[in-house]
N, C-alpha and C. Protein backbone atom coordinates (compact mmCIF):
# COMPACT_ATOMS: atom_id res chain seq x y z
N MET A 1 62.00 -104.37 34.28
CA MET A 1 62.32 -104.78 35.93
C MET A 1 61.19 -105.28 35.83
N ALA A 2 60.83 -106.27 36.73
CA ALA A 2 59.82 -106.69 37.16
C ALA A 2 59.12 -106.02 38.58
N LEU A 3 58.14 -105.83 38.46
CA LEU A 3 57.65 -105.36 39.87
C LEU A 3 57.23 -106.10 40.41
N GLY A 4 57.25 -106.30 41.89
CA GLY A 4 56.48 -107.30 42.65
C GLY A 4 55.52 -106.39 43.76
N GLY A 5 55.16 -107.52 44.01
CA GLY A 5 53.94 -106.90 45.77
C GLY A 5 52.79 -106.36 44.99
N GLY A 6 52.43 -106.62 43.78
CA GLY A 6 51.11 -106.01 42.88
C GLY A 6 51.79 -104.19 42.62
N ALA A 7 52.30 -103.72 42.99
CA ALA A 7 52.74 -102.27 42.39
C ALA A 7 52.68 -102.14 40.87
N SER A 8 52.16 -101.06 40.99
CA SER A 8 52.10 -100.97 39.00
C SER A 8 53.01 -99.30 38.80
N PRO A 9 53.28 -99.26 38.07
CA PRO A 9 54.54 -98.35 37.54
C PRO A 9 54.03 -96.82 38.49
N MET A 10 52.55 -96.87 37.74
CA MET A 10 52.18 -95.32 37.75
C MET A 10 51.63 -95.08 39.11
N GLY A 11 52.00 -96.07 40.33
CA GLY A 11 51.07 -96.12 41.16
C GLY A 11 49.94 -96.78 42.22
N SER A 12 49.19 -96.42 43.49
CA SER A 12 48.13 -96.56 43.33
C SER A 12 46.93 -96.23 42.62
N PRO A 13 45.36 -96.31 42.33
CA PRO A 13 44.31 -95.20 41.63
C PRO A 13 44.40 -93.91 42.88
N ALA A 14 44.66 -93.50 44.07
CA ALA A 14 44.29 -92.50 44.92
C ALA A 14 45.83 -91.71 44.37
N GLU A 15 46.98 -92.60 44.15
CA GLU A 15 48.44 -91.93 43.66
C GLU A 15 48.13 -91.15 42.65
N SER A 16 47.76 -91.72 41.50
CA SER A 16 47.42 -91.32 39.80
C SER A 16 46.36 -90.74 39.91
N GLY A 17 44.97 -90.55 40.84
CA GLY A 17 44.18 -89.66 40.32
C GLY A 17 43.28 -90.14 39.37
N ALA A 18 42.87 -91.73 39.31
CA ALA A 18 42.61 -92.36 38.39
C ALA A 18 41.29 -93.35 39.73
N PRO A 19 39.90 -92.68 38.91
CA PRO A 19 39.25 -93.01 40.00
C PRO A 19 38.35 -94.46 40.61
N ARG A 20 38.45 -94.82 41.74
CA ARG A 20 38.38 -96.18 42.48
C ARG A 20 36.45 -96.84 41.61
N ALA A 21 37.30 -98.40 41.77
CA ALA A 21 35.49 -99.12 40.63
C ALA A 21 34.80 -98.97 42.05
N GLN A 22 33.76 -98.86 42.08
CA GLN A 22 32.53 -99.37 43.34
C GLN A 22 32.24 -99.75 42.49
N SER A 23 32.09 -100.72 43.76
CA SER A 23 31.11 -102.33 43.86
C SER A 23 29.48 -101.81 43.73
N VAL A 24 29.35 -102.49 42.68
CA VAL A 24 27.56 -102.56 42.40
C VAL A 24 26.97 -103.50 43.46
N GLU A 25 26.00 -103.10 44.06
CA GLU A 25 25.36 -104.50 44.94
C GLU A 25 23.95 -104.89 43.83
N PRO A 26 24.00 -105.87 43.74
CA PRO A 26 23.38 -106.26 42.52
C PRO A 26 21.45 -105.96 43.05
N THR A 27 20.78 -106.23 41.97
CA THR A 27 19.48 -105.63 42.43
C THR A 27 18.52 -107.67 42.31
N PRO A 28 17.77 -107.78 43.10
CA PRO A 28 17.05 -108.91 42.90
C PRO A 28 16.04 -108.60 42.22
N PRO A 29 15.62 -110.11 41.01
CA PRO A 29 14.77 -110.21 40.34
C PRO A 29 12.69 -109.35 41.34
N ARG A 30 12.34 -109.46 40.83
CA ARG A 30 10.92 -108.21 41.23
C ARG A 30 9.56 -109.04 40.76
N VAL A 31 8.78 -109.70 41.41
CA VAL A 31 7.26 -110.44 40.30
C VAL A 31 6.57 -109.34 39.93
N LEU A 32 6.15 -109.15 38.50
CA LEU A 32 5.55 -108.59 38.15
C LEU A 32 3.80 -109.74 37.59
N ARG A 33 4.53 -110.03 37.32
CA ARG A 33 2.89 -111.14 37.29
C ARG A 33 3.11 -112.43 37.84
N ARG A 34 1.80 -112.17 38.75
CA ARG A 34 1.99 -113.75 39.59
C ARG A 34 0.71 -114.38 39.42
N THR A 35 0.80 -115.59 38.17
CA THR A 35 -1.16 -116.56 38.31
C THR A 35 -1.05 -117.17 39.56
N PRO A 36 -1.74 -117.50 40.41
CA PRO A 36 -2.39 -118.20 41.68
C PRO A 36 -1.99 -119.96 41.56
N PRO A 37 -1.59 -120.03 41.54
CA PRO A 37 -1.87 -122.17 41.66
C PRO A 37 -3.11 -122.44 41.86
N GLN A 38 -3.29 -123.45 41.24
CA GLN A 38 -4.48 -124.28 41.36
C GLN A 38 -4.40 -125.09 42.54
N TYR A 39 -5.93 -125.09 43.51
CA TYR A 39 -5.95 -125.56 44.34
C TYR A 39 -5.75 -127.33 44.18
N PRO A 40 -5.06 -128.29 44.51
CA PRO A 40 -5.17 -129.48 44.16
C PRO A 40 -6.56 -130.12 44.65
N LYS A 41 -7.52 -130.73 44.01
CA LYS A 41 -8.78 -131.13 44.10
C LYS A 41 -8.71 -132.10 45.27
N ALA A 42 -8.03 -133.22 45.31
CA ALA A 42 -8.00 -133.99 46.42
C ALA A 42 -7.80 -133.28 47.87
N ALA A 43 -6.22 -132.42 47.56
CA ALA A 43 -6.61 -131.89 48.85
C ALA A 43 -7.55 -131.19 49.12
N ARG A 44 -8.07 -129.94 48.83
CA ARG A 44 -9.31 -128.86 48.83
C ARG A 44 -10.31 -130.05 49.66
N ALA A 45 -10.55 -131.74 49.18
CA ALA A 45 -11.71 -132.44 49.46
C ALA A 45 -11.30 -133.02 50.98
N ARG A 46 -10.19 -132.88 51.35
CA ARG A 46 -9.60 -132.99 53.06
C ARG A 46 -9.52 -132.21 53.08
N GLY A 47 -9.88 -131.66 52.40
CA GLY A 47 -9.41 -129.99 53.89
C GLY A 47 -7.98 -129.54 53.32
N ALA A 48 -7.11 -129.89 53.67
CA ALA A 48 -5.30 -130.13 53.89
C ALA A 48 -5.55 -128.30 53.20
N THR A 49 -4.13 -127.80 53.53
CA THR A 49 -3.75 -126.92 53.53
C THR A 49 -2.32 -126.83 54.20
N GLY A 50 -1.06 -125.82 53.42
CA GLY A 50 0.27 -126.17 53.47
C GLY A 50 0.97 -125.00 52.92
N ARG A 51 2.00 -124.90 52.57
CA ARG A 51 2.93 -124.09 52.14
C ARG A 51 3.92 -124.77 51.08
N VAL A 52 4.78 -124.03 50.38
CA VAL A 52 5.48 -124.61 48.73
C VAL A 52 6.78 -123.29 49.04
N VAL A 53 7.79 -123.40 49.52
CA VAL A 53 8.49 -122.46 49.52
C VAL A 53 10.14 -123.23 48.14
N LEU A 54 9.86 -122.18 47.35
CA LEU A 54 10.78 -122.20 45.71
C LEU A 54 11.51 -121.82 45.45
N GLN A 55 12.70 -122.13 45.11
CA GLN A 55 14.02 -121.20 44.87
C GLN A 55 13.56 -121.43 43.72
N LEU A 56 14.04 -119.35 42.46
CA LEU A 56 13.52 -119.81 41.55
C LEU A 56 14.56 -118.78 40.79
N LEU A 57 15.40 -119.69 39.55
CA LEU A 57 16.59 -118.78 39.13
C LEU A 57 15.69 -118.15 37.62
N VAL A 58 16.06 -116.87 37.74
CA VAL A 58 15.37 -115.97 36.93
C VAL A 58 16.17 -115.34 36.11
N ASP A 59 15.68 -115.56 34.57
CA ASP A 59 16.63 -115.34 33.41
C ASP A 59 16.76 -113.98 33.11
N GLU A 60 17.61 -113.79 32.29
CA GLU A 60 17.80 -111.79 32.39
C GLU A 60 16.74 -111.01 31.13
N ARG A 61 15.73 -112.39 30.94
CA ARG A 61 13.90 -111.67 30.06
C ARG A 61 13.38 -111.61 31.51
N GLY A 62 13.20 -112.11 32.62
CA GLY A 62 12.74 -111.99 33.54
C GLY A 62 11.58 -113.46 33.79
N ARG A 63 12.03 -114.26 32.96
CA ARG A 63 11.36 -115.49 32.74
C ARG A 63 11.77 -116.42 33.80
N VAL A 64 11.08 -117.51 34.29
CA VAL A 64 11.64 -118.41 35.18
C VAL A 64 12.10 -119.62 34.63
N ALA A 65 13.41 -120.19 34.70
CA ALA A 65 14.39 -120.76 34.14
C ALA A 65 14.53 -122.39 34.56
N GLU A 66 14.78 -121.86 35.93
CA GLU A 66 14.39 -123.43 36.57
C GLU A 66 13.52 -123.07 37.93
N VAL A 67 13.10 -124.39 38.48
CA VAL A 67 12.40 -124.35 39.63
C VAL A 67 13.00 -125.10 40.70
N ARG A 68 13.05 -125.12 42.18
CA ARG A 68 13.48 -125.55 42.82
C ARG A 68 12.83 -126.15 44.22
N VAL A 69 11.84 -127.34 44.62
CA VAL A 69 11.35 -127.04 45.85
C VAL A 69 12.71 -126.94 46.74
N VAL A 70 12.31 -126.24 48.09
CA VAL A 70 13.14 -126.01 48.73
C VAL A 70 12.31 -126.75 49.81
N GLU A 71 11.61 -126.41 50.17
CA GLU A 71 10.70 -127.06 52.12
C GLU A 71 9.16 -127.29 51.10
N ALA A 72 8.51 -128.03 51.73
CA ALA A 72 7.05 -128.14 50.66
C ALA A 72 6.07 -129.29 52.73
N GLU A 73 5.15 -128.68 53.14
CA GLU A 73 4.24 -128.80 54.10
C GLU A 73 3.28 -128.90 53.65
N PRO A 74 2.09 -130.37 53.80
CA PRO A 74 2.84 -131.10 53.59
C PRO A 74 3.30 -131.87 52.65
N ALA A 75 4.98 -132.37 52.81
CA ALA A 75 5.44 -132.90 51.97
C ALA A 75 5.04 -133.64 50.23
N GLY A 76 4.95 -133.22 48.95
CA GLY A 76 4.08 -133.93 47.99
C GLY A 76 2.47 -133.22 47.64
N VAL A 77 2.49 -133.20 48.57
CA VAL A 77 0.88 -132.85 48.17
C VAL A 77 0.04 -131.10 47.36
N PHE A 78 1.29 -130.36 47.36
CA PHE A 78 1.37 -128.94 46.90
C PHE A 78 2.60 -128.67 45.94
N ASP A 79 3.65 -129.48 46.07
CA ASP A 79 4.37 -129.13 45.08
C ASP A 79 4.46 -129.35 43.51
N GLU A 80 3.42 -130.05 43.15
CA GLU A 80 3.83 -129.85 41.76
C GLU A 80 2.71 -128.75 40.93
N ALA A 81 1.66 -128.17 41.81
CA ALA A 81 0.52 -126.66 41.19
C ALA A 81 1.66 -125.84 41.89
N ALA A 82 2.42 -126.18 42.46
CA ALA A 82 3.46 -124.74 43.11
C ALA A 82 4.33 -124.62 41.97
N ILE A 83 4.40 -125.49 41.44
CA ILE A 83 6.02 -125.52 40.42
C ILE A 83 5.10 -125.19 39.21
N ALA A 84 3.70 -124.99 38.80
CA ALA A 84 3.35 -124.90 37.74
C ALA A 84 2.35 -123.71 37.73
N ALA A 85 2.54 -123.30 39.08
CA ALA A 85 2.13 -121.76 39.15
C ALA A 85 3.33 -120.74 38.61
N ALA A 86 4.28 -121.31 39.31
CA ALA A 86 5.90 -120.41 39.58
C ALA A 86 6.43 -120.24 37.80
N ARG A 87 5.98 -121.35 37.01
CA ARG A 87 6.60 -121.73 35.82
C ARG A 87 6.35 -120.09 34.87
N SER A 88 4.60 -119.62 35.32
CA SER A 88 4.67 -119.34 34.01
C SER A 88 4.51 -117.43 34.64
N TRP A 89 5.17 -117.72 36.17
CA TRP A 89 5.57 -115.66 36.92
C TRP A 89 6.22 -115.15 35.80
N VAL A 90 6.40 -114.22 36.03
CA VAL A 90 7.36 -113.08 35.00
C VAL A 90 7.62 -111.72 36.25
N PHE A 91 9.12 -111.61 35.91
CA PHE A 91 9.47 -111.33 36.48
C PHE A 91 10.23 -109.59 36.38
N GLU A 92 10.95 -108.80 37.33
CA GLU A 92 11.57 -107.50 36.43
C GLU A 92 12.77 -108.58 36.89
N PRO A 93 13.88 -108.43 36.12
CA PRO A 93 15.21 -109.20 35.79
C PRO A 93 16.35 -108.51 36.67
N GLY A 94 16.63 -109.25 37.61
CA GLY A 94 17.94 -109.27 38.60
C GLY A 94 19.15 -107.93 38.00
N ARG A 95 19.36 -107.31 38.70
CA ARG A 95 20.15 -106.07 37.68
C ARG A 95 21.90 -106.12 39.20
N GLU A 96 23.06 -105.56 37.69
CA GLU A 96 24.33 -105.59 38.62
C GLU A 96 24.11 -103.97 37.74
N GLY A 97 24.18 -103.12 38.43
CA GLY A 97 24.54 -102.27 37.86
C GLY A 97 23.03 -101.97 36.47
N GLU A 98 23.15 -101.34 35.48
CA GLU A 98 22.31 -101.48 33.98
C GLU A 98 21.68 -102.54 33.55
N ALA A 99 23.02 -103.70 34.01
CA ALA A 99 23.25 -104.88 33.34
C ALA A 99 21.92 -105.68 33.36
N ARG A 100 21.17 -106.42 32.84
CA ARG A 100 20.24 -107.70 33.45
C ARG A 100 20.96 -108.76 33.44
N VAL A 101 20.84 -109.61 35.14
CA VAL A 101 21.52 -110.48 35.42
C VAL A 101 20.58 -112.13 35.47
N GLN A 102 21.24 -113.33 35.42
CA GLN A 102 19.97 -114.38 35.99
C GLN A 102 19.90 -114.14 37.57
N ALA A 103 19.50 -114.26 38.18
CA ALA A 103 19.50 -114.79 39.70
C ALA A 103 18.56 -115.50 40.41
N TRP A 104 18.81 -116.07 41.41
CA TRP A 104 17.82 -117.03 42.20
C TRP A 104 17.24 -115.88 42.97
N VAL A 105 16.16 -116.23 43.36
CA VAL A 105 15.17 -115.95 44.14
C VAL A 105 14.02 -116.84 44.44
N ARG A 106 13.71 -116.39 46.36
CA ARG A 106 13.05 -117.37 46.99
C ARG A 106 11.02 -116.71 47.04
N GLN A 107 10.51 -117.44 47.18
CA GLN A 107 9.62 -117.56 46.97
C GLN A 107 8.69 -118.78 47.89
N THR A 108 7.84 -117.96 48.45
CA THR A 108 6.79 -118.96 49.41
C THR A 108 5.51 -119.02 48.70
N ILE A 109 4.93 -119.90 48.72
CA ILE A 109 3.35 -120.12 48.01
C ILE A 109 1.95 -120.99 49.53
N ARG A 110 1.92 -119.90 49.81
CA ARG A 110 1.03 -120.21 50.70
C ARG A 110 -0.73 -121.02 49.82
N PHE A 111 -1.06 -122.36 50.68
CA PHE A 111 -2.05 -122.93 50.25
C PHE A 111 -3.60 -122.45 51.55
N GLU A 112 -4.20 -122.31 51.41
CA GLU A 112 -5.01 -122.39 52.09
C GLU A 112 -6.68 -122.13 51.73
N LEU A 113 -7.67 -123.00 52.32
CA LEU A 113 -8.79 -122.72 52.00
C LEU A 113 -9.61 -121.89 52.40
N GLU A 114 -11.02 -120.74 52.02
CA GLU A 114 -11.22 -119.69 52.09
C GLU A 114 -12.68 -120.21 52.50
């Protein structure tokens, strides 16, 4: 006998006394160690300041697996320094329940002269 409409022979979990599955909110990666970027010499000499917004893929070990530039002001001046620094950062990996998972995280690096 086929049952239609997704019904089960035992009824719904509430009817059968079975526990309901709870959705687990993922926990995003958290920075543990952040190496500051090297200020580009040409930008320092000109007195240039700016910022780079990066999208980082953090793997299950807490390492940066991929880096994407989302925004850069001014464009092309600080990108390479920001990417190089971010590749060395270490994170507490993202989690879904107890499982470590890879996850994307957005980070902003500001370049300001002191």
